[in-house]
């Protein structure tokens, strides 16, 4: 598996709270150290060491929990990268799971007629069943629960999953959060740098 893990340093509440705590200890003005404030970008750059340490701890925790229990990762190699225009830090992860059978089956699929299509179908079914990953969205995806996505304060990325689950409407709230998260993180407006085949500038695409 090739997995990229990104850092949402301007949207993760715990990270912003941690930086604000460091600023208070240093006696700095914390007026702009809140999600949605214009000055937050500059603050996160000034306290980049806090951002980087937090992200590395979060990647380690992800590997120990989700990586080992859900993705069944046995061996991995990870490289942290800093690229202009892509945020302070992100990680590229090459992982080998305990069970190799899905890859062996996919290799056999490629030897058959319409092999690429068969392999895609097999991988989609496997990802849905074993990883809980899906590219399915609600029929009313464009309108249902999509309000306020333009606001950082109300972005689903800035909300803790535990906070969502504690809402009175329970499972419905989790599904709405899931749909909003997909729209917020898996769509983009194509620009001249878009690498998608035959992409049109400034058209919204859903990325799976």
N, C-alpha and C. Protein backbone atom coordinates (compact mmCIF):
# COMPACT_ATOMS: atom_id res chain seq x y z
N UNK A 1 0.84 -1.18 0.00
CA UNK A 1 0.00 0.00 0.00
C UNK A 1 0.88 1.24 0.00
N UNK A 2 0.45 2.25 -0.75
CA UNK A 2 1.11 3.55 -0.72
C UNK A 2 0.12 4.54 -0.14
N UNK A 3 0.43 5.09 1.01
CA UNK A 3 -0.50 5.94 1.74
C UNK A 3 0.16 7.30 2.02
N UNK A 4 -0.57 8.37 1.76
CA UNK A 4 -0.11 9.70 2.09
C UNK A 4 -0.94 10.24 3.24
N UNK A 5 -0.28 10.73 4.27
CA UNK A 5 -0.94 11.32 5.43
C UNK A 5 -0.61 12.81 5.48
N UNK A 6 -1.65 13.64 5.52
CA UNK A 6 -1.45 15.09 5.47
C UNK A 6 -1.78 15.73 6.81
N UNK A 7 -1.20 16.90 7.02
CA UNK A 7 -1.39 17.64 8.27
C UNK A 7 -2.29 18.85 8.00
N UNK A 8 -3.41 18.94 8.70
CA UNK A 8 -4.32 20.09 8.56
C UNK A 8 -4.04 21.06 9.70
N UNK A 9 -2.87 21.71 9.63
CA UNK A 9 -2.41 22.50 10.76
C UNK A 9 -3.27 23.72 11.07
N UNK A 10 -4.08 24.16 10.12
CA UNK A 10 -4.93 25.32 10.37
C UNK A 10 -6.35 24.92 10.78
N UNK A 11 -6.62 23.62 10.87
CA UNK A 11 -7.98 23.15 11.15
C UNK A 11 -8.08 22.19 12.32
N UNK A 12 -7.00 21.56 12.71
CA UNK A 12 -7.05 20.62 13.84
C UNK A 12 -7.11 21.40 15.15
N UNK A 13 -8.21 21.27 15.86
CA UNK A 13 -8.42 22.04 17.08
C UNK A 13 -7.37 21.73 18.15
N UNK A 14 -7.02 20.45 18.31
CA UNK A 14 -6.04 20.09 19.34
C UNK A 14 -4.69 20.74 19.06
N UNK A 15 -4.32 20.82 17.78
CA UNK A 15 -3.04 21.42 17.43
C UNK A 15 -3.05 22.93 17.71
N UNK A 16 -4.14 23.58 17.34
CA UNK A 16 -4.26 25.02 17.58
C UNK A 16 -4.26 25.31 19.08
N UNK A 17 -4.97 24.47 19.85
CA UNK A 17 -4.99 24.64 21.30
C UNK A 17 -3.59 24.49 21.89
N UNK A 18 -2.82 23.54 21.36
CA UNK A 18 -1.47 23.30 21.86
C UNK A 18 -0.55 24.49 21.59
N UNK A 19 -0.66 25.04 20.37
CA UNK A 19 0.15 26.21 20.03
C UNK A 19 -0.24 27.40 20.90
N UNK A 20 -1.56 27.58 21.10
CA UNK A 20 -2.01 28.70 21.93
C UNK A 20 -1.48 28.57 23.37
N UNK A 21 -1.42 27.34 23.86
CA UNK A 21 -0.87 27.11 25.20
C UNK A 21 0.61 27.51 25.26
N UNK A 22 1.37 27.16 24.22
CA UNK A 22 2.78 27.54 24.18
C UNK A 22 2.92 29.06 24.13
N UNK A 23 2.03 29.73 23.38
CA UNK A 23 2.09 31.19 23.28
C UNK A 23 1.80 31.83 24.62
N UNK A 24 0.85 31.28 25.36
CA UNK A 24 0.51 31.82 26.67
C UNK A 24 1.69 31.69 27.62
N UNK A 25 2.39 30.55 27.55
CA UNK A 25 3.57 30.35 28.39
C UNK A 25 4.65 31.36 28.05
N UNK A 26 4.78 31.68 26.73
CA UNK A 26 5.81 32.62 26.28
C UNK A 26 5.38 34.07 26.47
N UNK A 27 4.12 34.29 26.86
CA UNK A 27 3.63 35.64 27.07
C UNK A 27 3.26 36.35 25.78
N UNK A 28 3.02 35.59 24.70
CA UNK A 28 2.65 36.19 23.40
C UNK A 28 1.15 36.43 23.31
N UNK A 29 0.78 37.32 22.41
CA UNK A 29 -0.63 37.64 22.17
C UNK A 29 -1.30 36.48 21.44
N UNK A 30 -2.36 35.92 22.00
CA UNK A 30 -3.04 34.75 21.42
C UNK A 30 -4.35 35.12 20.71
N UNK A 31 -4.56 36.40 20.45
CA UNK A 31 -5.82 36.85 19.86
C UNK A 31 -6.14 36.14 18.55
N UNK A 32 -5.12 35.90 17.72
CA UNK A 32 -5.34 35.29 16.40
C UNK A 32 -5.11 33.78 16.37
N UNK A 33 -4.86 33.19 17.53
CA UNK A 33 -4.59 31.74 17.57
C UNK A 33 -5.89 30.96 17.74
N UNK A 34 -6.78 31.14 16.78
CA UNK A 34 -8.06 30.42 16.75
C UNK A 34 -8.38 30.08 15.31
N UNK A 35 -9.04 28.95 15.11
CA UNK A 35 -9.42 28.51 13.77
C UNK A 35 -10.30 29.58 13.11
N UNK A 36 -9.95 29.93 11.88
CA UNK A 36 -10.70 30.93 11.14
C UNK A 36 -10.09 32.31 11.18
N UNK A 37 -9.14 32.56 12.11
CA UNK A 37 -8.49 33.86 12.19
C UNK A 37 -7.41 33.97 11.11
N UNK A 38 -7.32 35.14 10.48
CA UNK A 38 -6.36 35.34 9.39
C UNK A 38 -4.92 35.20 9.87
N UNK A 39 -4.67 35.59 11.10
CA UNK A 39 -3.31 35.54 11.61
C UNK A 39 -2.82 34.16 11.99
N UNK A 40 -3.69 33.13 11.91
CA UNK A 40 -3.32 31.78 12.33
C UNK A 40 -2.21 31.19 11.46
N UNK A 41 -2.23 31.51 10.17
CA UNK A 41 -1.21 30.97 9.25
C UNK A 41 0.18 31.40 9.70
N UNK A 42 0.33 32.65 10.00
CA UNK A 42 1.62 33.17 10.44
C UNK A 42 2.04 32.55 11.76
N UNK A 43 1.08 32.38 12.66
CA UNK A 43 1.38 31.79 13.97
C UNK A 43 1.88 30.36 13.82
N UNK A 44 1.21 29.57 12.97
CA UNK A 44 1.60 28.18 12.78
C UNK A 44 3.00 28.08 12.17
N UNK A 45 3.34 29.04 11.31
CA UNK A 45 4.69 29.06 10.75
C UNK A 45 5.72 29.39 11.82
N UNK A 46 5.38 30.31 12.73
CA UNK A 46 6.30 30.67 13.80
C UNK A 46 6.50 29.52 14.78
N UNK A 47 5.45 28.72 14.99
CA UNK A 47 5.52 27.60 15.92
C UNK A 47 5.55 26.27 15.16
N UNK A 48 6.31 26.24 14.08
CA UNK A 48 6.33 25.06 13.21
C UNK A 48 6.85 23.81 13.92
N UNK A 49 7.74 23.97 14.91
CA UNK A 49 8.27 22.80 15.61
C UNK A 49 7.16 22.08 16.37
N UNK A 50 6.19 22.84 16.91
CA UNK A 50 5.05 22.23 17.61
C UNK A 50 4.19 21.46 16.61
N UNK A 51 3.95 22.06 15.45
CA UNK A 51 3.16 21.41 14.40
C UNK A 51 3.82 20.10 13.97
N UNK A 52 5.11 20.14 13.75
CA UNK A 52 5.82 18.96 13.25
C UNK A 52 5.85 17.84 14.28
N UNK A 53 6.09 18.19 15.55
CA UNK A 53 6.13 17.17 16.58
C UNK A 53 4.75 16.54 16.77
N UNK A 54 3.71 17.37 16.77
CA UNK A 54 2.34 16.87 16.94
C UNK A 54 1.99 15.92 15.79
N UNK A 55 2.32 16.31 14.57
CA UNK A 55 1.98 15.47 13.42
C UNK A 55 2.72 14.14 13.47
N UNK A 56 3.99 14.15 13.84
CA UNK A 56 4.74 12.90 13.91
C UNK A 56 4.17 11.97 14.98
N UNK A 57 3.77 12.53 16.12
CA UNK A 57 3.12 11.72 17.16
C UNK A 57 1.79 11.16 16.65
N UNK A 58 1.07 11.97 15.88
CA UNK A 58 -0.23 11.53 15.37
C UNK A 58 -0.06 10.41 14.34
N UNK A 59 0.96 10.50 13.50
CA UNK A 59 1.25 9.43 12.54
C UNK A 59 1.61 8.14 13.27
N UNK A 60 2.44 8.26 14.31
CA UNK A 60 2.81 7.08 15.10
C UNK A 60 1.59 6.44 15.73
N UNK A 61 0.70 7.25 16.29
CA UNK A 61 -0.53 6.72 16.90
C UNK A 61 -1.42 6.07 15.85
N UNK A 62 -1.48 6.66 14.65
CA UNK A 62 -2.28 6.08 13.57
C UNK A 62 -1.74 4.70 13.18
N UNK A 63 -0.43 4.57 13.10
CA UNK A 63 0.19 3.30 12.74
C UNK A 63 -0.08 2.24 13.81
N UNK A 64 -0.04 2.65 15.08
CA UNK A 64 -0.24 1.70 16.17
C UNK A 64 -1.69 1.26 16.31
N UNK A 65 -2.61 2.07 15.83
CA UNK A 65 -4.04 1.75 15.98
C UNK A 65 -4.66 1.36 14.64
N UNK A 66 -5.00 2.36 13.84
CA UNK A 66 -5.66 2.11 12.56
C UNK A 66 -4.78 1.28 11.63
N UNK A 67 -3.50 1.62 11.55
CA UNK A 67 -2.60 0.93 10.64
C UNK A 67 -2.51 -0.56 10.92
N UNK A 68 -2.35 -0.91 12.20
CA UNK A 68 -2.17 -2.31 12.56
C UNK A 68 -3.48 -3.09 12.65
N UNK A 69 -4.55 -2.43 13.12
CA UNK A 69 -5.80 -3.16 13.34
C UNK A 69 -6.73 -3.16 12.13
N UNK A 70 -6.78 -2.05 11.39
CA UNK A 70 -7.68 -1.97 10.23
C UNK A 70 -6.97 -2.35 8.94
N UNK A 71 -5.82 -1.74 8.68
CA UNK A 71 -5.08 -2.03 7.46
C UNK A 71 -4.19 -3.26 7.60
N UNK A 72 -4.08 -3.76 8.82
CA UNK A 72 -3.33 -4.99 9.07
C UNK A 72 -1.88 -4.87 8.60
N UNK A 73 -1.28 -3.70 8.83
CA UNK A 73 0.09 -3.44 8.38
C UNK A 73 1.10 -4.21 9.25
N UNK A 74 2.00 -4.91 8.59
CA UNK A 74 3.04 -5.66 9.29
C UNK A 74 4.40 -4.96 9.18
N UNK A 75 4.72 -4.47 7.99
CA UNK A 75 5.97 -3.75 7.77
C UNK A 75 5.65 -2.40 7.12
N UNK A 76 6.43 -1.39 7.42
CA UNK A 76 6.21 -0.10 6.78
C UNK A 76 7.51 0.71 6.74
N UNK A 77 7.53 1.64 5.80
CA UNK A 77 8.61 2.61 5.67
C UNK A 77 7.94 3.96 5.44
N UNK A 78 8.32 4.95 6.25
CA UNK A 78 7.66 6.25 6.16
C UNK A 78 8.70 7.35 5.99
N UNK A 79 8.38 8.31 5.14
CA UNK A 79 9.26 9.46 4.93
C UNK A 79 8.44 10.74 5.11
N UNK A 80 8.90 11.59 6.01
CA UNK A 80 8.24 12.88 6.20
C UNK A 80 8.81 13.86 5.18
N UNK A 81 7.93 14.64 4.58
CA UNK A 81 8.34 15.53 3.49
C UNK A 81 7.82 16.94 3.71
N UNK A 82 8.60 17.90 3.27
CA UNK A 82 8.21 19.31 3.32
C UNK A 82 8.28 19.83 1.89
N UNK A 83 7.13 20.18 1.32
CA UNK A 83 7.09 20.63 -0.06
C UNK A 83 6.40 21.99 -0.14
N UNK A 84 6.98 22.95 -0.87
CA UNK A 84 6.37 24.28 -1.01
C UNK A 84 4.94 24.18 -1.55
N UNK A 85 4.03 24.89 -0.90
CA UNK A 85 2.65 24.91 -1.37
C UNK A 85 1.82 23.75 -0.90
N UNK A 86 2.40 22.81 -0.10
CA UNK A 86 1.65 21.65 0.36
C UNK A 86 1.58 21.58 1.87
N UNK A 87 1.77 22.69 2.53
CA UNK A 87 1.72 22.70 3.98
C UNK A 87 3.08 22.44 4.59
N UNK A 88 3.14 22.47 5.91
CA UNK A 88 4.42 22.36 6.59
C UNK A 88 5.01 20.95 6.48
N UNK A 89 4.19 19.93 6.69
CA UNK A 89 4.70 18.57 6.78
C UNK A 89 3.63 17.58 6.32
N UNK A 90 4.05 16.55 5.63
CA UNK A 90 3.17 15.43 5.33
C UNK A 90 4.04 14.18 5.25
N UNK A 91 3.40 13.02 5.20
CA UNK A 91 4.14 11.77 5.24
C UNK A 91 3.72 10.85 4.10
N UNK A 92 4.71 10.21 3.49
CA UNK A 92 4.46 9.18 2.49
C UNK A 92 4.82 7.84 3.12
N UNK A 93 3.91 6.89 3.01
CA UNK A 93 4.06 5.63 3.71
C UNK A 93 3.94 4.46 2.74
N UNK A 94 4.95 3.61 2.73
CA UNK A 94 4.91 2.36 1.97
C UNK A 94 4.69 1.25 2.98
N UNK A 95 3.59 0.53 2.87
CA UNK A 95 3.22 -0.47 3.87
C UNK A 95 2.95 -1.84 3.25
N UNK A 96 3.32 -2.87 3.99
CA UNK A 96 3.06 -4.25 3.57
C UNK A 96 2.14 -4.88 4.61
N UNK A 97 0.93 -5.30 4.21
CA UNK A 97 0.00 -5.90 5.18
C UNK A 97 0.31 -7.38 5.42
N UNK A 98 -0.28 -7.91 6.46
CA UNK A 98 -0.08 -9.32 6.83
C UNK A 98 -0.62 -10.26 5.75
N UNK A 99 -1.79 -9.93 5.21
CA UNK A 99 -2.46 -10.79 4.23
C UNK A 99 -2.17 -10.28 2.81
N UNK A 100 -1.55 -11.12 1.98
CA UNK A 100 -1.21 -10.74 0.61
C UNK A 100 -2.19 -11.29 -0.42
N UNK A 101 -3.21 -12.00 0.02
CA UNK A 101 -4.07 -12.73 -0.93
C UNK A 101 -4.77 -11.80 -1.92
N UNK A 102 -5.19 -10.60 -1.47
CA UNK A 102 -5.90 -9.71 -2.37
C UNK A 102 -5.02 -9.29 -3.54
N UNK A 103 -3.72 -9.12 -3.31
CA UNK A 103 -2.82 -8.71 -4.37
C UNK A 103 -2.55 -9.86 -5.34
N UNK A 104 -2.51 -11.07 -4.82
CA UNK A 104 -2.33 -12.23 -5.68
C UNK A 104 -3.54 -12.41 -6.60
N UNK A 105 -4.73 -12.21 -6.04
CA UNK A 105 -5.96 -12.32 -6.84
C UNK A 105 -6.02 -11.22 -7.91
N UNK A 106 -5.63 -10.02 -7.52
CA UNK A 106 -5.62 -8.92 -8.48
C UNK A 106 -4.63 -9.17 -9.61
N UNK A 107 -3.51 -9.79 -9.28
CA UNK A 107 -2.51 -10.12 -10.30
C UNK A 107 -3.09 -11.12 -11.31
N UNK A 108 -3.88 -12.07 -10.81
CA UNK A 108 -4.53 -13.03 -11.70
C UNK A 108 -5.61 -12.36 -12.54
N UNK A 109 -6.30 -11.38 -11.97
CA UNK A 109 -7.33 -10.65 -12.71
C UNK A 109 -6.74 -9.98 -13.95
N UNK A 110 -5.54 -9.43 -13.81
CA UNK A 110 -4.92 -8.71 -14.91
C UNK A 110 -4.59 -9.60 -16.10
N UNK A 111 -4.51 -10.88 -15.87
CA UNK A 111 -4.19 -11.82 -16.94
C UNK A 111 -5.42 -12.22 -17.74
N UNK A 112 -6.60 -11.81 -17.29
CA UNK A 112 -7.85 -12.15 -17.97
C UNK A 112 -8.30 -11.00 -18.87
N UNK A 113 -9.30 -11.30 -19.69
CA UNK A 113 -9.89 -10.26 -20.53
C UNK A 113 -10.55 -9.22 -19.63
N UNK A 114 -10.43 -7.96 -19.99
CA UNK A 114 -10.94 -6.86 -19.16
C UNK A 114 -10.33 -6.89 -17.76
N UNK A 115 -9.07 -7.25 -17.71
CA UNK A 115 -8.40 -7.43 -16.42
C UNK A 115 -8.37 -6.19 -15.55
N UNK A 116 -8.16 -5.02 -16.15
CA UNK A 116 -8.11 -3.79 -15.37
C UNK A 116 -9.45 -3.53 -14.67
N UNK A 117 -10.54 -3.76 -15.39
CA UNK A 117 -11.87 -3.55 -14.83
C UNK A 117 -12.15 -4.55 -13.71
N UNK A 118 -11.78 -5.81 -13.92
CA UNK A 118 -12.01 -6.83 -12.90
C UNK A 118 -11.20 -6.54 -11.65
N UNK A 119 -9.97 -6.11 -11.85
CA UNK A 119 -9.14 -5.79 -10.69
C UNK A 119 -9.73 -4.61 -9.90
N UNK A 120 -10.20 -3.60 -10.62
CA UNK A 120 -10.80 -2.44 -9.95
C UNK A 120 -12.03 -2.84 -9.14
N UNK A 121 -12.85 -3.72 -9.71
CA UNK A 121 -14.05 -4.18 -9.00
C UNK A 121 -13.68 -4.98 -7.76
N UNK A 122 -12.67 -5.83 -7.89
CA UNK A 122 -12.25 -6.63 -6.75
C UNK A 122 -11.68 -5.75 -5.62
N UNK A 123 -10.85 -4.78 -6.00
CA UNK A 123 -10.26 -3.90 -5.00
C UNK A 123 -11.31 -3.04 -4.32
N UNK A 124 -12.31 -2.58 -5.09
CA UNK A 124 -13.38 -1.76 -4.51
C UNK A 124 -14.17 -2.57 -3.49
N UNK A 125 -14.50 -3.82 -3.84
CA UNK A 125 -15.26 -4.68 -2.93
C UNK A 125 -14.44 -4.99 -1.68
N UNK A 126 -13.15 -5.24 -1.87
CA UNK A 126 -12.27 -5.56 -0.74
C UNK A 126 -12.10 -4.35 0.19
N UNK A 127 -11.91 -3.18 -0.39
CA UNK A 127 -11.73 -1.97 0.41
C UNK A 127 -12.99 -1.65 1.21
N UNK A 128 -14.15 -1.93 0.62
CA UNK A 128 -15.41 -1.68 1.30
C UNK A 128 -15.61 -2.66 2.45
N UNK A 129 -15.34 -3.95 2.19
CA UNK A 129 -15.60 -4.98 3.19
C UNK A 129 -14.58 -4.98 4.33
N UNK A 130 -13.29 -4.85 4.00
CA UNK A 130 -12.26 -5.00 5.02
C UNK A 130 -11.77 -3.68 5.62
N UNK A 131 -11.84 -2.60 4.86
CA UNK A 131 -11.33 -1.33 5.34
C UNK A 131 -12.42 -0.31 5.63
N UNK A 132 -13.64 -0.60 5.18
CA UNK A 132 -14.72 0.35 5.37
C UNK A 132 -14.59 1.57 4.48
N UNK A 133 -13.79 1.44 3.39
CA UNK A 133 -13.62 2.54 2.45
C UNK A 133 -14.64 2.43 1.33
N UNK A 134 -15.20 3.55 0.94
CA UNK A 134 -16.19 3.53 -0.14
C UNK A 134 -16.18 4.86 -0.87
N UNK A 135 -16.51 4.80 -2.15
CA UNK A 135 -16.64 6.01 -2.95
C UNK A 135 -18.10 6.40 -3.10
N UNK A 136 -18.99 5.73 -2.34
CA UNK A 136 -20.43 6.00 -2.44
C UNK A 136 -20.80 7.24 -1.64
N UNK A 137 -21.69 8.02 -2.20
CA UNK A 137 -22.19 9.21 -1.51
C UNK A 137 -23.71 9.19 -1.54
N UNK A 138 -24.32 9.97 -0.67
CA UNK A 138 -25.78 10.04 -0.64
C UNK A 138 -26.32 10.61 -1.94
N UNK A 139 -27.55 10.24 -2.27
CA UNK A 139 -28.18 10.74 -3.50
C UNK A 139 -28.23 12.26 -3.51
N UNK A 140 -28.44 12.85 -2.35
CA UNK A 140 -28.53 14.31 -2.25
C UNK A 140 -27.21 14.89 -1.76
N UNK A 141 -26.11 14.32 -2.27
CA UNK A 141 -24.76 14.67 -1.80
C UNK A 141 -24.47 16.16 -1.93
N UNK A 142 -24.94 16.78 -3.00
CA UNK A 142 -24.63 18.18 -3.24
C UNK A 142 -25.30 19.12 -2.24
N UNK A 143 -26.40 18.65 -1.62
CA UNK A 143 -27.16 19.57 -0.79
C UNK A 143 -27.28 19.14 0.67
N UNK A 144 -27.26 17.85 0.94
CA UNK A 144 -27.52 17.36 2.29
C UNK A 144 -26.33 17.55 3.22
N UNK A 145 -26.52 18.34 4.26
CA UNK A 145 -25.49 18.52 5.28
C UNK A 145 -24.23 19.19 4.78
N UNK A 146 -24.32 19.96 3.71
CA UNK A 146 -23.13 20.55 3.12
C UNK A 146 -22.96 22.03 3.44
N UNK A 147 -23.78 22.55 4.31
CA UNK A 147 -23.73 23.98 4.60
C UNK A 147 -22.44 24.33 5.34
N UNK A 148 -22.01 25.55 5.17
CA UNK A 148 -20.88 26.13 5.89
C UNK A 148 -19.52 25.50 5.56
N UNK A 149 -19.42 24.79 4.43
CA UNK A 149 -18.14 24.19 4.10
C UNK A 149 -17.08 25.25 3.78
N UNK A 150 -17.52 26.45 3.44
CA UNK A 150 -16.56 27.50 3.11
C UNK A 150 -15.91 28.09 4.36
N UNK A 151 -16.46 27.80 5.52
CA UNK A 151 -15.95 28.36 6.77
C UNK A 151 -15.00 27.37 7.45
N UNK A 152 -13.79 27.84 7.78
CA UNK A 152 -12.85 26.99 8.49
C UNK A 152 -13.38 26.57 9.85
N UNK A 153 -14.10 27.48 10.50
CA UNK A 153 -14.61 27.21 11.84
C UNK A 153 -15.59 26.04 11.81
N UNK A 154 -16.41 25.95 10.76
CA UNK A 154 -17.41 24.90 10.65
C UNK A 154 -16.97 23.74 9.77
N UNK A 155 -15.72 23.76 9.33
CA UNK A 155 -15.23 22.68 8.48
C UNK A 155 -15.27 21.35 9.22
N UNK A 156 -15.67 20.25 8.56
CA UNK A 156 -15.67 18.94 9.23
C UNK A 156 -14.28 18.52 9.66
N UNK A 157 -13.24 19.06 9.02
CA UNK A 157 -11.87 18.73 9.41
C UNK A 157 -11.54 19.31 10.78
N UNK A 158 -12.19 20.41 11.14
CA UNK A 158 -11.91 21.07 12.41
C UNK A 158 -12.71 20.48 13.57
N UNK A 159 -13.56 19.48 13.28
CA UNK A 159 -14.38 18.86 14.33
C UNK A 159 -13.80 17.50 14.72
N UNK A 160 -13.76 17.24 16.01
CA UNK A 160 -13.33 15.92 16.49
C UNK A 160 -14.46 14.92 16.25
N UNK A 161 -14.11 13.71 15.85
CA UNK A 161 -15.13 12.69 15.61
C UNK A 161 -15.91 12.38 16.89
N UNK A 162 -15.22 12.41 18.02
CA UNK A 162 -15.91 12.15 19.29
C UNK A 162 -16.96 13.20 19.58
N UNK A 163 -16.70 14.44 19.18
CA UNK A 163 -17.69 15.50 19.38
C UNK A 163 -18.93 15.26 18.51
N UNK A 164 -18.71 14.74 17.31
CA UNK A 164 -19.83 14.47 16.39
C UNK A 164 -20.69 13.34 16.94
N UNK A 165 -20.07 12.28 17.43
CA UNK A 165 -20.81 11.12 17.92
C UNK A 165 -21.63 11.44 19.16
N UNK A 166 -21.22 12.46 19.89
CA UNK A 166 -21.93 12.81 21.12
C UNK A 166 -23.16 13.68 20.86
N UNK A 167 -23.39 14.05 19.59
CA UNK A 167 -24.57 14.85 19.28
C UNK A 167 -25.84 14.03 19.49
N UNK A 168 -26.98 14.70 19.81
CA UNK A 168 -28.23 13.99 20.13
C UNK A 168 -28.72 13.07 19.02
N UNK A 169 -28.50 13.43 17.72
CA UNK A 169 -29.05 12.60 16.64
C UNK A 169 -28.15 11.42 16.27
N UNK A 170 -27.12 11.15 17.06
CA UNK A 170 -26.33 9.93 16.96
C UNK A 170 -25.86 9.53 15.58
N UNK A 171 -26.29 8.33 15.09
CA UNK A 171 -25.81 7.80 13.81
C UNK A 171 -26.03 8.76 12.64
N UNK A 172 -27.16 9.48 12.64
CA UNK A 172 -27.43 10.42 11.55
C UNK A 172 -26.36 11.51 11.52
N UNK A 173 -25.94 11.96 12.68
CA UNK A 173 -24.91 12.99 12.75
C UNK A 173 -23.59 12.47 12.20
N UNK A 174 -23.27 11.22 12.48
CA UNK A 174 -22.03 10.62 11.99
C UNK A 174 -22.04 10.52 10.47
N UNK A 175 -23.19 10.14 9.90
CA UNK A 175 -23.29 10.02 8.45
C UNK A 175 -23.17 11.39 7.78
N UNK A 176 -23.84 12.38 8.34
CA UNK A 176 -23.75 13.73 7.79
C UNK A 176 -22.30 14.22 7.85
N UNK A 177 -21.63 13.95 8.97
CA UNK A 177 -20.24 14.34 9.12
C UNK A 177 -19.38 13.65 8.07
N UNK A 178 -19.66 12.38 7.81
CA UNK A 178 -18.93 11.61 6.81
C UNK A 178 -19.11 12.22 5.42
N UNK A 179 -20.34 12.55 5.07
CA UNK A 179 -20.62 13.12 3.75
C UNK A 179 -19.97 14.50 3.61
N UNK A 180 -20.04 15.31 4.67
CA UNK A 180 -19.43 16.64 4.62
C UNK A 180 -17.91 16.53 4.52
N UNK A 181 -17.35 15.54 5.22
CA UNK A 181 -15.90 15.35 5.17
C UNK A 181 -15.45 14.96 3.78
N UNK A 182 -16.22 14.08 3.12
CA UNK A 182 -15.87 13.67 1.76
C UNK A 182 -15.91 14.86 0.81
N UNK A 183 -16.93 15.69 0.95
CA UNK A 183 -17.04 16.82 0.04
C UNK A 183 -15.95 17.86 0.31
N UNK A 184 -15.59 18.02 1.58
CA UNK A 184 -14.59 19.03 1.93
C UNK A 184 -13.19 18.61 1.53
N UNK A 185 -12.88 17.31 1.62
CA UNK A 185 -11.50 16.86 1.41
C UNK A 185 -11.27 16.13 0.11
N UNK A 186 -12.31 15.64 -0.53
CA UNK A 186 -12.14 14.84 -1.72
C UNK A 186 -12.67 15.51 -2.98
N UNK A 187 -12.86 16.80 -2.91
CA UNK A 187 -13.21 17.56 -4.11
C UNK A 187 -12.22 18.70 -4.25
N UNK A 188 -12.00 19.12 -5.48
CA UNK A 188 -11.14 20.28 -5.70
C UNK A 188 -11.57 20.96 -6.99
N UNK A 189 -11.21 22.21 -7.12
CA UNK A 189 -11.47 22.95 -8.35
C UNK A 189 -10.22 22.89 -9.21
N UNK A 190 -10.35 22.29 -10.40
CA UNK A 190 -9.20 22.08 -11.27
C UNK A 190 -8.57 23.42 -11.67
N UNK A 191 -7.27 23.44 -11.69
CA UNK A 191 -6.52 24.60 -12.16
C UNK A 191 -5.59 24.14 -13.27
N UNK A 192 -4.71 25.02 -13.70
CA UNK A 192 -3.78 24.66 -14.75
C UNK A 192 -2.78 23.61 -14.32
N UNK A 193 -2.68 23.36 -13.00
CA UNK A 193 -1.74 22.36 -12.49
C UNK A 193 -2.39 20.99 -12.30
N UNK A 194 -3.70 20.89 -12.55
CA UNK A 194 -4.40 19.62 -12.32
C UNK A 194 -3.83 18.53 -13.21
N UNK A 195 -3.53 17.36 -12.61
CA UNK A 195 -2.93 16.25 -13.34
C UNK A 195 -3.96 15.25 -13.87
N UNK A 196 -5.25 15.50 -13.60
CA UNK A 196 -6.28 14.58 -14.09
C UNK A 196 -6.37 14.68 -15.61
N UNK A 197 -6.54 13.52 -16.24
CA UNK A 197 -6.61 13.48 -17.70
C UNK A 197 -7.78 14.30 -18.21
N UNK A 198 -7.51 15.11 -19.24
CA UNK A 198 -8.54 15.91 -19.90
C UNK A 198 -9.31 16.79 -18.92
N UNK A 199 -8.64 17.28 -17.90
CA UNK A 199 -9.32 18.12 -16.93
C UNK A 199 -9.58 19.50 -17.53
N UNK A 200 -10.66 20.12 -17.09
CA UNK A 200 -11.01 21.46 -17.52
C UNK A 200 -10.77 22.41 -16.37
N UNK A 201 -10.20 23.52 -16.64
CA UNK A 201 -9.89 24.45 -15.57
C UNK A 201 -11.14 24.91 -14.83
N UNK A 202 -11.02 25.00 -13.51
CA UNK A 202 -12.04 25.52 -12.64
C UNK A 202 -13.33 24.71 -12.67
N UNK A 203 -13.20 23.42 -12.93
CA UNK A 203 -14.34 22.50 -12.81
C UNK A 203 -14.13 21.68 -11.55
N UNK A 204 -15.19 21.49 -10.77
CA UNK A 204 -15.07 20.74 -9.54
C UNK A 204 -15.07 19.25 -9.83
N UNK A 205 -14.06 18.54 -9.31
CA UNK A 205 -13.94 17.09 -9.49
C UNK A 205 -13.95 16.42 -8.11
N UNK A 206 -14.52 15.22 -8.06
CA UNK A 206 -14.49 14.42 -6.84
C UNK A 206 -13.35 13.42 -6.98
N UNK A 207 -12.44 13.39 -6.02
CA UNK A 207 -11.27 12.54 -6.06
C UNK A 207 -11.44 11.37 -5.11
N UNK A 208 -11.30 10.16 -5.62
CA UNK A 208 -11.42 8.97 -4.77
C UNK A 208 -10.11 8.20 -4.82
